[in-house]
Every structure is written in structure tokens, then in C-alpha cells.
Amino acid sequence: MIISLKNVSWQRDTTMILRDMNWEVKQGQHWCIVGLNGSGKTTMLNVVNGYIWPTTGQVEVLDHRFGDVDLRELRKRIGWVSTSLQQKLYGHQTALTIVLSGKFATIGLYDKTNEEDQKQAEELMEFLDCSSLAARTYDTLSQGQRQKVLIARALMANPDLLILDEPCTGLDIFAREQLLQMIEKITKQPNGPTLLYVTHHIEEITSCFTHTLLVKNGEIYKGDETENCLQSDVLSDFFDTPVEVQEHHNRKWLTLAGDK
């Protein structure tokens, strides 16, 4: 079992942010997590990473029950790419240095690396088609280039679980499609990590995502195989707005009902 949430709720002051969540992610599955802003997606991921503790319920990640595991060690097996991480990195460091820092999960590189580390970082950058960026400083990279570097950084520790929190935010359509193709490549790697991909854009859910989790108002609205979630009637109820789902080139696209 990769993730198991059982009756998980989280309350801040008098406000219930997450309510009675039950969710399982199994080996071999890749999940897309969909919800509008404020739905509780990122809070739920903070619970999965152990950054916040549930008010009630039980959490297990990578076969370890919270309360019986050193979360600092467990987090070394989890890669997380988010906008908040981008803002913490040092802009003057080279892309290669930032990728290398992923081995130690540090902001900045303070530990010594060896030739094997260097080789792994270079191979990851080549795999993600960003080798040409190695000597460039982070602050000179475009948003799409930064995302590639951050994903390479997350993969440096050979994680069992990779969380991509809205990685296409701020990307133009070409950079977005390149990034989605790269993510599909990751899912096809033998012994690659389980992916959790967070978005509120249905068209970003490519065929590599076997399952989809719909999160609404701090609750799990539906968690199922992706095909069963991306239906017009399901999403109309989920968004409280009549929508139509159409398929083009093996991707789902969402429009408001009646729009041409």
C-alpha cells in the first residue's frame, strides 16, 4: 500500500478543513487529484507528508503508520514539486547544483557529492531533456525549465512516491505539453515512483493516470478509475455547474454546457 487514509479529518481552530477522508493508493497506480482552489488538496498532501497531523483518523504512507515511523526518514522516500518550493530555492545556484541537492532534500547544497551523484544528476537532466540548462543559474530559467529541473531534483533521491502539485501553473501551451509528455515518460520507467498529480484542469489528465480523486469542500467526492470520474454528469455535479466532457486525441476536455 502506497497511501492509506482512514477517517482522516483536520481542524484548524473551529474550522474543519478536511472531513472524514478515506483513500487508498496501491502499487502500480498513478493518481490525479482534482479540485477547485480551497478544496483541501494541498492540506491533504501536507497530511500525507506528515507536515500536519490529522485531528482524527489514521495515516499510512509507504507501509508505515504515522506515529510508528520517523517522518524525517519517510520524507526522504517522497519527492514533492510545488510552487512554494520554487520560491525557496537560491536563484544564483546552477540548475545542476539544484538537482544534486535533491539527494539530501536540502535547500542549497551543503553536503559533499561524488562522481556517482554527478552522473545520476546528469542522466536525470538528460532524461528530462534539460541537460543544456546544467550550467545556467536558476533565476535565468523559464517557468517550464524550472519545473523540469525541480522534477529532476525530486528524482535524485529515487523516491517511491512523487507528488507534483499543479506543475503546469504559469506554463504556456507548448511548455505544458512538453511537461506532460515528460511526466508520461516517468510513469513508464521500470521501478519508477507512484505519481500524485494535482490540478484543476481536466485536459492535463493524460492516459498515464490510472485513477482520479475528486476533492470538494474538504471531502472526497469520488475516487475511482479515471474514466469513471471524467464523465459529464459526474463533473457537472462535482463543479455545481453543467459541463460537457469531450475527448480529443485520447485526452478529456471540459467545456461549460451550451458553449461552442
Protein backbone atom coordinates (compact mmCIF):
# COMPACT_ATOMS: atom_id res chain seq x y z
CA MET A 1 0.00 0.00 0.00
CA ILE A 2 1.40 3.40 -1.01
CA ILE A 3 -1.11 5.59 0.85
CA SER A 4 -3.94 4.79 3.22
CA LEU A 5 -6.12 7.46 4.81
CA LYS A 6 -8.78 6.16 7.20
CA ASN A 7 -11.41 8.57 8.53
CA VAL A 8 -8.93 11.45 8.37
CA SER A 9 -10.13 14.90 9.44
CA TRP A 10 -8.18 18.06 10.18
CA GLN A 11 -9.50 21.04 12.06
CA ARG A 12 -7.89 24.49 12.33
CA ASP A 13 -9.30 26.50 15.23
CA THR A 14 -13.04 25.99 14.82
CA THR A 15 -12.95 25.33 11.07
CA MET A 16 -12.98 21.78 9.69
CA ILE A 17 -10.62 21.84 6.68
CA LEU A 18 -10.62 18.09 5.92
CA ARG A 19 -13.54 15.88 6.81
CA ASP A 20 -13.64 12.08 7.16
CA MET A 21 -11.31 11.22 4.24
CA ASN A 22 -10.90 7.58 3.22
CA TRP A 23 -8.48 6.92 0.36
CA GLU A 24 -6.12 4.17 -0.76
CA VAL A 25 -3.35 4.33 -3.35
CA LYS A 26 -1.94 0.96 -4.37
CA GLN A 27 1.29 -0.05 -6.05
CA GLY A 28 1.13 0.44 -9.82
CA GLN A 29 -1.48 3.20 -9.67
CA HIS A 30 -0.93 6.83 -10.67
CA TRP A 31 -3.48 9.30 -9.34
CA CYS A 32 -4.62 12.72 -10.47
CA ILE A 33 -6.10 14.88 -7.71
CA VAL A 34 -8.67 17.41 -8.91
CA GLY A 35 -10.38 20.18 -7.01
CA LEU A 36 -11.07 23.89 -7.13
CA ASN A 37 -8.99 26.38 -5.15
CA GLY A 38 -9.64 25.95 -1.44
CA SER A 39 -10.99 22.41 -1.82
CA GLY A 40 -8.36 20.93 0.53
CA LYS A 41 -5.98 19.31 -1.97
CA THR A 42 -2.77 20.81 -0.62
CA THR A 43 -3.84 20.35 3.00
CA MET A 44 -4.42 16.67 2.29
CA LEU A 45 -0.94 16.40 0.78
CA ASN A 46 0.53 18.08 3.86
CA VAL A 47 -1.08 15.30 5.89
CA VAL A 48 0.39 12.65 3.57
CA ASN A 49 3.85 14.20 4.00
CA GLY A 50 3.44 14.45 7.76
CA TYR A 51 3.76 18.24 7.84
CA ILE A 52 0.44 18.48 9.63
CA TRP A 53 -1.09 15.87 11.92
CA PRO A 54 -4.72 14.84 11.44
CA THR A 55 -7.14 15.83 14.16
CA THR A 56 -8.73 12.39 13.85
CA GLY A 57 -8.05 9.31 11.75
CA GLN A 58 -5.17 7.09 10.73
CA VAL A 59 -2.50 7.69 8.07
CA GLU A 60 -0.19 5.12 6.49
CA VAL A 61 2.33 6.00 3.79
CA LEU A 62 4.66 3.51 2.09
CA ASP A 63 3.52 0.83 4.55
CA HIS A 64 4.40 2.93 7.61
CA ARG A 65 1.77 4.05 10.08
CA PHE A 66 2.15 7.61 11.33
CA GLY A 67 3.03 7.51 14.99
CA ASP A 68 5.26 4.46 14.47
CA VAL A 69 7.75 5.93 11.98
CA ASP A 70 10.38 8.68 11.86
CA LEU A 71 8.71 11.10 9.44
CA ARG A 72 12.05 12.75 8.61
CA GLU A 73 13.28 9.43 7.23
CA LEU A 74 10.00 8.67 5.49
CA ARG A 75 10.04 12.02 3.66
CA LYS A 76 13.32 11.02 2.01
CA ARG A 77 11.27 8.50 0.03
CA ILE A 78 8.81 11.17 -1.12
CA GLY A 79 9.54 13.72 -3.84
CA TRP A 80 7.37 16.85 -3.84
CA VAL A 81 7.40 19.56 -6.51
CA SER A 82 5.36 22.66 -5.72
CA THR A 83 5.23 26.40 -6.32
CA SER A 84 6.20 27.04 -2.71
CA LEU A 85 9.41 25.04 -3.23
CA GLN A 86 10.34 27.18 -6.24
CA GLN A 87 10.22 30.29 -4.09
CA LYS A 88 12.62 28.83 -1.51
CA LEU A 89 15.45 27.90 -3.88
CA TYR A 90 18.52 30.07 -4.39
CA GLY A 91 18.39 31.80 -7.75
CA HIS A 92 22.17 32.14 -8.06
CA GLN A 93 22.76 28.38 -7.97
CA THR A 94 23.15 26.41 -11.16
CA ALA A 95 20.48 24.01 -12.33
CA LEU A 96 22.88 21.09 -11.81
CA THR A 97 23.54 22.14 -8.21
CA ILE A 98 19.82 22.31 -7.53
CA VAL A 99 19.31 18.83 -8.98
CA LEU A 100 22.17 17.48 -6.84
CA SER A 101 20.65 18.98 -3.70
CA GLY A 102 17.69 16.64 -4.19
CA LYS A 103 19.79 13.75 -2.88
CA PHE A 104 19.78 15.39 0.54
CA ALA A 105 16.38 17.13 0.32
CA THR A 106 18.02 20.44 1.26
CA ILE A 107 17.54 23.99 0.05
CA GLY A 108 21.07 24.59 -1.20
CA LEU A 109 23.89 22.06 -1.45
CA TYR A 110 25.93 21.70 1.70
CA ASP A 111 26.93 18.03 1.62
CA LYS A 112 29.71 16.62 -0.49
CA THR A 113 28.77 14.80 -3.66
CA ASN A 114 30.73 12.19 -5.57
CA GLU A 115 31.13 11.16 -9.19
CA GLU A 116 28.20 8.77 -8.95
CA ASP A 117 25.93 11.58 -7.74
CA GLN A 118 27.15 13.82 -10.55
CA LYS A 119 26.49 11.11 -13.10
CA GLN A 120 22.99 10.45 -11.76
CA ALA A 121 22.11 14.16 -11.87
CA GLU A 122 23.38 14.48 -15.43
CA GLU A 123 21.47 11.38 -16.52
CA LEU A 124 18.27 12.68 -14.95
CA MET A 125 18.65 16.02 -16.71
CA GLU A 126 19.24 14.23 -19.98
CA PHE A 127 16.18 12.02 -19.40
CA LEU A 128 14.06 15.11 -18.73
CA ASP A 129 15.53 16.93 -21.73
CA CYS A 130 17.17 19.72 -19.77
CA SER A 131 20.89 18.87 -19.97
CA SER A 132 21.59 22.16 -21.72
CA LEU A 133 20.50 24.01 -18.59
CA ALA A 134 23.07 22.43 -16.27
CA ALA A 135 25.41 25.44 -16.03
CA ARG A 136 22.71 28.11 -16.07
CA THR A 137 21.62 29.76 -12.85
CA TYR A 138 18.11 29.03 -11.65
CA ASP A 139 16.99 32.65 -11.86
CA THR A 140 17.66 32.72 -15.63
CA LEU A 141 15.35 29.77 -16.37
CA SER A 142 11.82 29.97 -17.70
CA GLN A 143 8.94 28.55 -15.67
CA GLY A 144 8.86 25.38 -17.78
CA GLN A 145 12.62 24.90 -17.48
CA ARG A 146 12.42 25.34 -13.73
CA GLN A 147 9.77 22.66 -13.46
CA LYS A 148 11.97 20.18 -15.33
CA VAL A 149 14.89 20.96 -13.02
CA LEU A 150 12.69 20.58 -9.92
CA ILE A 151 11.37 17.22 -11.09
CA ALA A 152 14.93 16.05 -11.76
CA ARG A 153 15.80 17.25 -8.25
CA ALA A 154 12.89 15.27 -6.79
CA LEU A 155 14.01 12.12 -8.62
CA MET A 156 17.60 12.36 -7.30
CA ALA A 157 16.63 10.55 -4.10
CA ASN A 158 14.96 7.72 -6.08
CA PRO A 159 11.62 8.34 -4.35
CA ASP A 160 8.89 5.75 -4.09
CA LEU A 161 6.25 8.49 -4.25
CA LEU A 162 6.42 11.62 -6.41
CA ILE A 163 3.93 14.45 -5.80
CA LEU A 164 3.54 17.11 -8.48
CA ASP A 165 1.43 19.95 -7.11
CA GLU A 166 0.00 21.91 -10.06
CA PRO A 167 3.25 21.70 -12.06
CA CYS A 168 1.76 23.33 -15.17
CA THR A 169 0.80 26.57 -13.44
CA GLY A 170 2.18 29.53 -15.41
CA LEU A 171 3.26 27.48 -18.42
CA ASP A 172 2.32 28.33 -21.98
CA ILE A 173 0.60 25.61 -24.01
CA PHE A 174 3.84 24.35 -25.59
CA ALA A 175 5.74 24.13 -22.30
CA ARG A 176 2.73 22.45 -20.72
CA GLU A 177 2.56 19.75 -23.37
CA GLN A 178 6.30 19.12 -23.12
CA LEU A 179 5.99 18.73 -19.36
CA LEU A 180 3.02 16.36 -19.64
CA GLN A 181 4.95 14.20 -22.13
CA MET A 182 7.88 14.11 -19.74
CA ILE A 183 5.61 13.05 -16.86
CA GLU A 184 4.28 10.20 -19.00
CA LYS A 185 7.88 9.08 -19.57
CA ILE A 186 8.41 8.92 -15.82
CA THR A 187 5.39 6.66 -15.34
CA LYS A 188 6.74 4.22 -17.91
CA GLN A 189 10.09 3.75 -16.18
CA PRO A 190 10.64 0.33 -14.57
CA ASN A 191 10.65 0.67 -10.79
CA GLY A 192 9.60 4.29 -11.14
CA PRO A 193 7.73 6.17 -8.41
CA THR A 194 4.00 6.26 -7.84
CA LEU A 195 2.73 9.64 -9.06
CA LEU A 196 0.23 12.01 -7.49
CA TYR A 197 -0.57 14.86 -9.86
CA VAL A 198 -2.57 17.83 -8.60
CA THR A 199 -4.53 20.05 -10.99
CA HIS A 200 -7.85 21.75 -11.63
CA HIS A 201 -7.51 21.42 -15.41
CA ILE A 202 -9.12 18.25 -16.74
CA GLU A 203 -7.18 18.41 -20.02
CA GLU A 204 -3.93 17.81 -18.11
CA ILE A 205 -5.08 14.32 -17.11
CA THR A 206 -3.25 12.15 -19.63
CA SER A 207 -3.69 8.42 -20.16
CA CYS A 208 -0.87 7.59 -17.73
CA PHE A 209 -3.10 8.46 -14.75
CA THR A 210 -4.97 5.31 -13.89
CA HIS A 211 -7.13 6.88 -11.18
CA THR A 212 -8.57 10.26 -10.28
CA LEU A 213 -9.54 11.69 -6.90
CA LEU A 214 -12.15 14.46 -6.84
CA VAL A 215 -11.86 16.65 -3.72
CA LYS A 216 -14.61 19.11 -2.82
CA ASN A 217 -15.03 21.27 0.29
CA GLY A 218 -12.52 19.24 2.26
CA GLU A 219 -14.16 15.92 1.45
CA ILE A 220 -13.53 13.18 -1.08
CA TYR A 221 -16.33 13.46 -3.60
CA LYS A 222 -15.21 10.48 -5.68
CA GLY A 223 -12.11 8.31 -6.08
CA ASP A 224 -12.14 5.82 -8.92
CA GLU A 225 -10.58 4.82 -12.21
CA THR A 226 -10.06 7.96 -14.26
CA GLU A 227 -12.55 7.02 -16.96
CA ASN A 228 -15.32 6.73 -14.36
CA CYS A 229 -14.56 10.16 -12.89
CA LEU A 230 -14.24 12.17 -16.09
CA GLN A 231 -17.88 11.93 -17.11
CA SER A 232 -20.11 14.91 -17.88
CA ASP A 233 -22.72 14.04 -15.25
CA VAL A 234 -20.13 13.35 -12.55
CA LEU A 235 -18.22 16.58 -13.15
CA SER A 236 -21.38 18.67 -13.52
CA ASP A 237 -22.40 17.64 -10.03
CA PHE A 238 -18.84 17.97 -8.73
CA PHE A 239 -18.44 21.56 -10.02
CA ASP A 240 -22.08 22.50 -9.33
CA THR A 241 -22.22 23.71 -12.94
CA PRO A 242 -23.45 21.95 -16.10
CA VAL A 243 -20.35 20.89 -18.06
CA GLU A 244 -19.62 18.67 -21.01
CA VAL A 245 -16.62 16.35 -21.33
CA GLN A 246 -15.33 15.73 -24.82
CA GLU A 247 -12.46 13.54 -25.94
CA HIS A 248 -9.80 14.63 -28.42
CA HIS A 249 -6.60 12.70 -29.13
CA ASN A 250 -7.10 10.44 -26.10
CA ARG A 251 -7.50 13.42 -23.74
CA LYS A 252 -10.58 14.78 -21.99
CA TRP A 253 -11.55 18.44 -22.40
CA LEU A 254 -14.08 20.31 -20.32
CA THR A 255 -16.48 22.98 -21.55
CA LEU A 256 -19.44 24.69 -19.96
CA ALA A 257 -22.66 23.10 -21.20
CA GLY A 258 -24.01 25.13 -24.11
CA ASP A 259 -20.61 26.66 -25.01
CA LYS A 260 -19.50 26.17 -28.59
